Amino acid sequence: MASINFNADFWQQKFILIDSRKLIFPAQSIFFAIKGRLTDGHHFISTLYEQGVRHFVLSEAPIVEDYPNAKFIITSNVVQVLQEYANYHRTKFELPIIAITGSNGKTILKEWLSQLLEQDYTLVKSPKSYNSQIGVPLSVFAINTQ
């Protein structure tokens, strides 16, 4: 995959969107059109555009004339770009990381550790059981300077 310049204006949006139903700030969002077993994010591009989203990461090129003010990144692997963008975001911060792996008990251990550590540290933890190829990058975007 070609190297993406995550310093470009396209990537200055504040919100990552993978589910069209969770749109809150359209003008400040980047929509990643992920194809899943049950749905395809590409089916929601026109609706999101009508609602004000202008930044899209897609694996299928749209009819550009239908979206005159939109900006598109076309890639063969949308999830990989999401992961690379999360990695880029993570490099902006010098923070320790605790990773929990294994077959069982990861979520309960994460919650237990966060309860122990939150009294002494500012924490970012994955919501729910976000321990997938998509969930981990979404969790990384919760890291900020505050």
N, C-alpha and C. Protein backbone atom coordinates (compact mmCIF):
# COMPACT_ATOMS: atom_id res chain seq x y z
N MET A 1 0.85 -1.18 0.00
CA MET A 1 0.00 0.00 0.00
C MET A 1 0.90 1.24 0.00
N ALA A 2 0.54 2.19 -0.83
CA ALA A 2 1.31 3.43 -0.93
C ALA A 2 1.26 4.17 0.40
N SER A 3 2.32 4.86 0.68
CA SER A 3 2.40 5.62 1.93
C SER A 3 1.41 6.78 1.89
N ILE A 4 0.69 6.96 2.97
CA ILE A 4 -0.29 8.02 3.05
C ILE A 4 0.27 9.14 3.92
N ASN A 5 0.13 10.36 3.48
CA ASN A 5 0.58 11.51 4.25
C ASN A 5 -0.54 11.91 5.22
N PHE A 6 -0.45 11.46 6.46
CA PHE A 6 -1.48 11.75 7.45
C PHE A 6 -1.38 13.19 7.99
N ASN A 7 -0.40 13.94 7.50
CA ASN A 7 -0.33 15.37 7.84
C ASN A 7 -1.15 16.22 6.89
N ALA A 8 -1.65 15.63 5.82
CA ALA A 8 -2.43 16.38 4.82
C ALA A 8 -3.73 16.89 5.43
N ASP A 9 -4.28 17.93 4.82
CA ASP A 9 -5.52 18.55 5.30
C ASP A 9 -6.66 17.55 5.47
N PHE A 10 -6.72 16.57 4.58
CA PHE A 10 -7.79 15.57 4.64
C PHE A 10 -7.92 14.97 6.03
N TRP A 11 -6.81 14.72 6.68
CA TRP A 11 -6.78 13.98 7.94
C TRP A 11 -6.94 14.87 9.17
N GLN A 12 -7.23 16.14 8.99
CA GLN A 12 -7.35 17.04 10.12
C GLN A 12 -8.74 17.03 10.76
N GLN A 13 -9.61 16.17 10.30
CA GLN A 13 -10.95 16.05 10.87
C GLN A 13 -10.84 15.43 12.27
N LYS A 14 -11.80 15.72 13.13
CA LYS A 14 -11.70 15.31 14.53
C LYS A 14 -12.37 13.99 14.85
N PHE A 15 -13.25 13.51 13.98
CA PHE A 15 -14.05 12.35 14.33
C PHE A 15 -13.92 11.25 13.28
N ILE A 16 -13.78 10.03 13.76
CA ILE A 16 -13.71 8.86 12.91
C ILE A 16 -15.09 8.21 12.92
N LEU A 17 -15.60 7.91 11.75
CA LEU A 17 -16.94 7.35 11.64
C LEU A 17 -16.88 6.07 10.82
N ILE A 18 -17.39 4.97 11.41
CA ILE A 18 -17.49 3.73 10.66
C ILE A 18 -18.94 3.25 10.59
N ASP A 19 -19.82 3.90 11.34
CA ASP A 19 -21.23 3.53 11.40
C ASP A 19 -22.06 4.79 11.12
N SER A 20 -22.75 4.81 10.00
CA SER A 20 -23.49 6.01 9.59
C SER A 20 -24.55 6.42 10.60
N ARG A 21 -25.02 5.48 11.41
CA ARG A 21 -26.05 5.78 12.40
C ARG A 21 -25.50 6.57 13.58
N LYS A 22 -24.18 6.65 13.69
CA LYS A 22 -23.56 7.33 14.84
C LYS A 22 -23.01 8.71 14.47
N LEU A 23 -23.46 9.25 13.39
CA LEU A 23 -23.00 10.57 12.94
C LEU A 23 -23.50 11.66 13.89
N ILE A 24 -22.56 12.47 14.38
CA ILE A 24 -22.90 13.60 15.25
C ILE A 24 -22.37 14.91 14.66
N PHE A 25 -21.13 14.92 14.22
CA PHE A 25 -20.49 16.12 13.70
C PHE A 25 -20.05 15.89 12.25
N PRO A 26 -20.97 16.00 11.31
CA PRO A 26 -20.66 15.64 9.92
C PRO A 26 -19.50 16.41 9.31
N ALA A 27 -19.43 17.69 9.54
CA ALA A 27 -18.38 18.50 8.91
C ALA A 27 -16.99 18.18 9.45
N GLN A 28 -16.92 17.53 10.59
CA GLN A 28 -15.64 17.23 11.22
C GLN A 28 -15.32 15.74 11.22
N SER A 29 -16.00 14.97 10.37
CA SER A 29 -15.85 13.51 10.38
C SER A 29 -15.20 12.98 9.12
N ILE A 30 -14.51 11.86 9.28
CA ILE A 30 -14.01 11.06 8.16
C ILE A 30 -14.76 9.74 8.22
N PHE A 31 -15.43 9.39 7.14
CA PHE A 31 -16.16 8.12 7.09
C PHE A 31 -15.30 7.06 6.42
N PHE A 32 -15.09 5.96 7.12
CA PHE A 32 -14.37 4.81 6.60
C PHE A 32 -15.42 3.79 6.15
N ALA A 33 -15.56 3.58 4.86
CA ALA A 33 -16.57 2.67 4.31
C ALA A 33 -16.04 1.25 4.35
N ILE A 34 -16.36 0.56 5.42
CA ILE A 34 -15.87 -0.80 5.64
C ILE A 34 -16.91 -1.80 5.14
N LYS A 35 -16.43 -2.79 4.41
CA LYS A 35 -17.30 -3.88 3.96
C LYS A 35 -17.28 -4.97 5.01
N GLY A 36 -18.47 -5.34 5.47
CA GLY A 36 -18.59 -6.41 6.45
C GLY A 36 -19.39 -7.57 5.91
N ARG A 37 -19.64 -8.55 6.76
CA ARG A 37 -20.42 -9.72 6.35
C ARG A 37 -21.87 -9.34 6.03
N LEU A 38 -22.41 -8.40 6.81
CA LEU A 38 -23.83 -8.08 6.68
C LEU A 38 -24.12 -6.76 5.97
N THR A 39 -23.14 -5.89 5.91
CA THR A 39 -23.39 -4.58 5.30
C THR A 39 -22.12 -4.06 4.65
N ASP A 40 -22.29 -3.04 3.84
CA ASP A 40 -21.18 -2.42 3.13
C ASP A 40 -21.28 -0.91 3.33
N GLY A 41 -20.28 -0.33 3.95
CA GLY A 41 -20.29 1.10 4.22
C GLY A 41 -20.46 1.96 3.00
N HIS A 42 -20.11 1.45 1.84
CA HIS A 42 -20.25 2.22 0.61
C HIS A 42 -21.71 2.55 0.31
N HIS A 43 -22.63 1.77 0.84
CA HIS A 43 -24.06 2.01 0.60
C HIS A 43 -24.56 3.27 1.30
N PHE A 44 -23.78 3.83 2.20
CA PHE A 44 -24.22 4.96 3.00
C PHE A 44 -23.55 6.28 2.62
N ILE A 45 -22.75 6.25 1.58
CA ILE A 45 -22.00 7.45 1.18
C ILE A 45 -22.95 8.59 0.81
N SER A 46 -23.94 8.33 -0.01
CA SER A 46 -24.82 9.42 -0.46
C SER A 46 -25.61 10.00 0.72
N THR A 47 -26.09 9.17 1.61
CA THR A 47 -26.82 9.66 2.79
C THR A 47 -25.92 10.51 3.67
N LEU A 48 -24.71 10.05 3.90
CA LEU A 48 -23.77 10.81 4.73
C LEU A 48 -23.39 12.12 4.05
N TYR A 49 -23.22 12.09 2.74
CA TYR A 49 -22.91 13.32 2.02
C TYR A 49 -24.05 14.32 2.18
N GLU A 50 -25.29 13.85 2.05
CA GLU A 50 -26.46 14.73 2.23
C GLU A 50 -26.51 15.31 3.64
N GLN A 51 -25.96 14.59 4.60
CA GLN A 51 -25.96 15.05 5.99
C GLN A 51 -24.75 15.91 6.31
N GLY A 52 -23.85 16.11 5.36
CA GLY A 52 -22.74 17.04 5.55
C GLY A 52 -21.36 16.44 5.65
N VAL A 53 -21.22 15.12 5.59
CA VAL A 53 -19.88 14.51 5.62
C VAL A 53 -19.20 14.79 4.28
N ARG A 54 -17.93 15.17 4.34
CA ARG A 54 -17.20 15.50 3.11
C ARG A 54 -15.89 14.73 2.95
N HIS A 55 -15.53 13.91 3.92
CA HIS A 55 -14.28 13.16 3.86
C HIS A 55 -14.58 11.67 3.95
N PHE A 56 -14.11 10.92 2.95
CA PHE A 56 -14.43 9.50 2.84
C PHE A 56 -13.19 8.69 2.51
N VAL A 57 -13.06 7.52 3.15
CA VAL A 57 -12.04 6.55 2.79
C VAL A 57 -12.80 5.34 2.24
N LEU A 58 -12.54 5.01 0.98
CA LEU A 58 -13.33 4.01 0.27
C LEU A 58 -12.44 2.98 -0.41
N SER A 59 -13.03 1.84 -0.71
CA SER A 59 -12.32 0.85 -1.54
C SER A 59 -12.92 0.79 -2.95
N GLU A 60 -13.99 1.53 -3.17
CA GLU A 60 -14.61 1.62 -4.50
C GLU A 60 -14.74 3.10 -4.86
N ALA A 61 -14.28 3.44 -6.03
CA ALA A 61 -14.35 4.85 -6.46
C ALA A 61 -15.80 5.23 -6.74
N PRO A 62 -16.26 6.35 -6.18
CA PRO A 62 -17.62 6.80 -6.44
C PRO A 62 -17.68 7.61 -7.74
N ILE A 63 -18.87 7.98 -8.13
CA ILE A 63 -19.02 8.93 -9.24
C ILE A 63 -18.76 10.31 -8.63
N VAL A 64 -17.60 10.82 -8.86
CA VAL A 64 -17.13 12.03 -8.19
C VAL A 64 -18.06 13.21 -8.45
N GLU A 65 -18.64 13.27 -9.63
CA GLU A 65 -19.53 14.38 -9.96
C GLU A 65 -20.76 14.42 -9.06
N ASP A 66 -21.14 13.29 -8.46
CA ASP A 66 -22.29 13.23 -7.55
C ASP A 66 -21.99 13.87 -6.20
N TYR A 67 -20.71 14.11 -5.93
CA TYR A 67 -20.29 14.62 -4.62
C TYR A 67 -19.30 15.77 -4.83
N PRO A 68 -19.78 16.92 -5.31
CA PRO A 68 -18.88 17.99 -5.75
C PRO A 68 -17.94 18.55 -4.69
N ASN A 69 -18.31 18.52 -3.44
CA ASN A 69 -17.44 19.09 -2.41
C ASN A 69 -16.74 18.05 -1.55
N ALA A 70 -16.85 16.79 -1.93
CA ALA A 70 -16.27 15.71 -1.13
C ALA A 70 -14.81 15.47 -1.50
N LYS A 71 -14.10 14.90 -0.53
CA LYS A 71 -12.72 14.47 -0.73
C LYS A 71 -12.67 12.98 -0.44
N PHE A 72 -11.97 12.25 -1.32
CA PHE A 72 -11.93 10.81 -1.21
C PHE A 72 -10.50 10.29 -1.15
N ILE A 73 -10.29 9.29 -0.34
CA ILE A 73 -9.09 8.47 -0.38
C ILE A 73 -9.59 7.10 -0.85
N ILE A 74 -9.06 6.62 -1.96
CA ILE A 74 -9.45 5.32 -2.49
C ILE A 74 -8.29 4.36 -2.22
N THR A 75 -8.62 3.24 -1.60
CA THR A 75 -7.61 2.27 -1.21
C THR A 75 -8.14 0.86 -1.39
N SER A 76 -7.26 -0.10 -1.49
CA SER A 76 -7.71 -1.49 -1.61
C SER A 76 -8.12 -2.06 -0.26
N ASN A 77 -7.70 -1.42 0.83
CA ASN A 77 -7.98 -1.97 2.16
C ASN A 77 -8.30 -0.84 3.14
N VAL A 78 -9.58 -0.56 3.32
CA VAL A 78 -10.03 0.54 4.18
C VAL A 78 -9.63 0.28 5.64
N VAL A 79 -9.76 -0.95 6.10
CA VAL A 79 -9.42 -1.27 7.49
C VAL A 79 -7.93 -1.03 7.74
N GLN A 80 -7.09 -1.39 6.78
CA GLN A 80 -5.66 -1.16 6.94
C GLN A 80 -5.35 0.33 7.05
N VAL A 81 -6.02 1.16 6.27
CA VAL A 81 -5.81 2.61 6.36
C VAL A 81 -6.26 3.11 7.74
N LEU A 82 -7.38 2.60 8.24
CA LEU A 82 -7.83 2.96 9.58
C LEU A 82 -6.77 2.60 10.61
N GLN A 83 -6.18 1.42 10.49
CA GLN A 83 -5.14 0.98 11.41
C GLN A 83 -3.89 1.86 11.30
N GLU A 84 -3.49 2.18 10.08
CA GLU A 84 -2.31 3.03 9.88
C GLU A 84 -2.54 4.44 10.43
N TYR A 85 -3.75 4.93 10.25
CA TYR A 85 -4.07 6.26 10.78
C TYR A 85 -4.05 6.25 12.30
N ALA A 86 -4.57 5.19 12.90
CA ALA A 86 -4.52 5.06 14.37
C ALA A 86 -3.07 4.98 14.85
N ASN A 87 -2.24 4.26 14.12
CA ASN A 87 -0.82 4.18 14.48
C ASN A 87 -0.17 5.55 14.40
N TYR A 88 -0.47 6.29 13.35
CA TYR A 88 0.05 7.66 13.22
C TYR A 88 -0.41 8.52 14.40
N HIS A 89 -1.68 8.43 14.74
CA HIS A 89 -2.23 9.19 15.87
C HIS A 89 -1.50 8.82 17.17
N ARG A 90 -1.26 7.54 17.37
CA ARG A 90 -0.60 7.07 18.59
C ARG A 90 0.82 7.62 18.72
N THR A 91 1.52 7.80 17.59
CA THR A 91 2.90 8.29 17.65
C THR A 91 2.99 9.74 18.10
N LYS A 92 1.87 10.45 18.17
CA LYS A 92 1.87 11.83 18.63
C LYS A 92 2.01 11.93 20.15
N PHE A 93 1.92 10.82 20.84
CA PHE A 93 1.91 10.83 22.30
C PHE A 93 2.98 9.89 22.84
N GLU A 94 3.67 10.36 23.88
CA GLU A 94 4.63 9.50 24.58
C GLU A 94 3.96 9.01 25.84
N LEU A 95 3.30 7.90 25.72
CA LEU A 95 2.53 7.34 26.83
C LEU A 95 2.83 5.86 26.98
N PRO A 96 2.81 5.36 28.19
CA PRO A 96 2.94 3.90 28.34
C PRO A 96 1.67 3.21 27.87
N ILE A 97 1.83 1.99 27.41
CA ILE A 97 0.70 1.20 26.94
C ILE A 97 0.68 -0.11 27.71
N ILE A 98 -0.51 -0.51 28.09
CA ILE A 98 -0.70 -1.84 28.66
C ILE A 98 -1.58 -2.60 27.68
N ALA A 99 -1.08 -3.70 27.19
CA ALA A 99 -1.86 -4.54 26.27
C ALA A 99 -2.17 -5.85 26.97
N ILE A 100 -3.39 -6.28 26.86
CA ILE A 100 -3.83 -7.52 27.49
C ILE A 100 -4.20 -8.49 26.38
N THR A 101 -3.59 -9.65 26.39
CA THR A 101 -3.88 -10.65 25.36
C THR A 101 -4.31 -11.95 26.01
N GLY A 102 -4.78 -12.85 25.20
CA GLY A 102 -5.17 -14.16 25.70
C GLY A 102 -6.52 -14.57 25.16
N SER A 103 -6.96 -15.75 25.53
CA SER A 103 -8.21 -16.29 25.03
C SER A 103 -9.42 -15.87 25.85
N ASN A 104 -9.24 -15.69 27.14
CA ASN A 104 -10.36 -15.41 28.03
C ASN A 104 -10.00 -14.33 29.04
N GLY A 105 -10.99 -13.56 29.46
CA GLY A 105 -10.82 -12.65 30.59
C GLY A 105 -10.21 -11.30 30.29
N LYS A 106 -10.02 -10.95 29.03
CA LYS A 106 -9.36 -9.69 28.71
C LYS A 106 -10.18 -8.47 29.16
N THR A 107 -11.47 -8.49 28.88
CA THR A 107 -12.30 -7.34 29.20
C THR A 107 -12.41 -7.13 30.70
N ILE A 108 -12.63 -8.17 31.46
CA ILE A 108 -12.75 -8.02 32.91
C ILE A 108 -11.42 -7.58 33.52
N LEU A 109 -10.31 -8.10 33.01
CA LEU A 109 -9.00 -7.67 33.49
C LEU A 109 -8.75 -6.20 33.16
N LYS A 110 -9.14 -5.78 31.97
CA LYS A 110 -9.00 -4.36 31.57
C LYS A 110 -9.78 -3.47 32.53
N GLU A 111 -11.02 -3.85 32.83
CA GLU A 111 -11.85 -3.05 33.74
C GLU A 111 -11.25 -3.03 35.15
N TRP A 112 -10.77 -4.14 35.61
CA TRP A 112 -10.17 -4.23 36.94
C TRP A 112 -8.92 -3.34 37.03
N LEU A 113 -8.04 -3.44 36.03
CA LEU A 113 -6.83 -2.61 36.03
C LEU A 113 -7.17 -1.12 35.96
N SER A 114 -8.17 -0.77 35.17
CA SER A 114 -8.52 0.65 35.06
C SER A 114 -9.04 1.18 36.38
N GLN A 115 -9.79 0.38 37.12
CA GLN A 115 -10.27 0.82 38.43
C GLN A 115 -9.12 1.02 39.40
N LEU A 116 -8.12 0.17 39.31
CA LEU A 116 -6.96 0.30 40.19
C LEU A 116 -6.10 1.52 39.83
N LEU A 117 -5.95 1.78 38.54
CA LEU A 117 -5.02 2.81 38.08
C LEU A 117 -5.62 4.20 37.92
N GLU A 118 -6.94 4.30 37.76
CA GLU A 118 -7.54 5.60 37.45
C GLU A 118 -7.43 6.61 38.58
N GLN A 119 -7.16 6.17 39.77
CA GLN A 119 -7.00 7.11 40.88
C GLN A 119 -5.68 7.87 40.78
N ASP A 120 -4.69 7.27 40.14
CA ASP A 120 -3.37 7.88 40.07
C ASP A 120 -2.96 8.33 38.66
N TYR A 121 -3.69 7.90 37.64
CA TYR A 121 -3.30 8.18 36.27
C TYR A 121 -4.52 8.60 35.44
N THR A 122 -4.24 9.37 34.38
CA THR A 122 -5.26 9.63 33.38
C THR A 122 -5.22 8.47 32.40
N LEU A 123 -6.36 7.83 32.20
CA LEU A 123 -6.39 6.61 31.39
C LEU A 123 -7.25 6.78 30.15
N VAL A 124 -6.90 6.03 29.16
CA VAL A 124 -7.76 5.80 28.00
C VAL A 124 -7.85 4.29 27.88
N LYS A 125 -9.07 3.80 27.84
CA LYS A 125 -9.26 2.36 27.69
C LYS A 125 -10.28 2.11 26.60
N SER A 126 -10.23 0.95 26.05
CA SER A 126 -11.18 0.63 25.00
C SER A 126 -12.58 0.49 25.60
N PRO A 127 -13.56 1.06 24.91
CA PRO A 127 -14.93 0.88 25.38
C PRO A 127 -15.38 -0.55 25.09
N LYS A 128 -16.21 -1.07 25.93
CA LYS A 128 -16.76 -2.41 25.74
C LYS A 128 -15.63 -3.41 25.54
N SER A 129 -15.76 -4.24 24.51
CA SER A 129 -14.74 -5.26 24.19
C SER A 129 -14.10 -4.94 22.86
N TYR A 130 -13.62 -3.73 22.70
CA TYR A 130 -13.03 -3.29 21.44
C TYR A 130 -11.63 -3.88 21.28
N ASN A 131 -11.54 -5.17 21.04
CA ASN A 131 -10.23 -5.80 20.88
C ASN A 131 -10.12 -6.47 19.51
N SER A 132 -10.66 -5.81 18.50
CA SER A 132 -10.62 -6.35 17.14
C SER A 132 -9.76 -5.46 16.25
N GLN A 133 -9.66 -5.84 14.98
CA GLN A 133 -8.88 -5.05 14.02
C GLN A 133 -9.46 -3.66 13.81
N ILE A 134 -10.73 -3.50 14.08
CA ILE A 134 -11.38 -2.19 13.96
C ILE A 134 -11.48 -1.53 15.33
N GLY A 135 -11.80 -2.28 16.34
CA GLY A 135 -12.00 -1.73 17.68
C GLY A 135 -10.76 -1.12 18.30
N VAL A 136 -9.63 -1.76 18.11
CA VAL A 136 -8.39 -1.21 18.69
C VAL A 136 -8.06 0.15 18.09
N PRO A 137 -8.08 0.32 16.75
CA PRO A 137 -7.84 1.66 16.22
C PRO A 137 -8.83 2.70 16.74
N LEU A 138 -10.11 2.34 16.85
CA LEU A 138 -11.09 3.28 17.38
C LEU A 138 -10.75 3.68 18.80
N SER A 139 -10.24 2.75 19.58
CA SER A 139 -9.83 3.05 20.96
C SER A 139 -8.65 4.00 21.00
N VAL A 140 -7.72 3.82 20.08
CA VAL A 140 -6.51 4.67 20.03
C VAL A 140 -6.91 6.13 19.78
N PHE A 141 -7.96 6.35 19.00
CA PHE A 141 -8.37 7.73 18.71
C PHE A 141 -8.93 8.45 19.94
N ALA A 142 -9.18 7.72 21.00
CA ALA A 142 -9.64 8.35 22.24
C ALA A 142 -8.49 9.04 22.98
N ILE A 143 -7.26 8.74 22.59
CA ILE A 143 -6.10 9.40 23.21
C ILE A 143 -6.05 10.84 22.72
N ASN A 144 -5.97 11.77 23.67
CA ASN A 144 -5.84 13.18 23.30
C ASN A 144 -4.96 13.88 24.32
N THR A 145 -4.79 15.14 24.18
CA THR A 145 -3.87 15.89 25.04
C THR A 145 -4.47 16.29 26.37
N GLN A 146 -5.73 16.01 26.61
CA GLN A 146 -6.37 16.43 27.86
C GLN A 146 -6.22 15.42 28.95
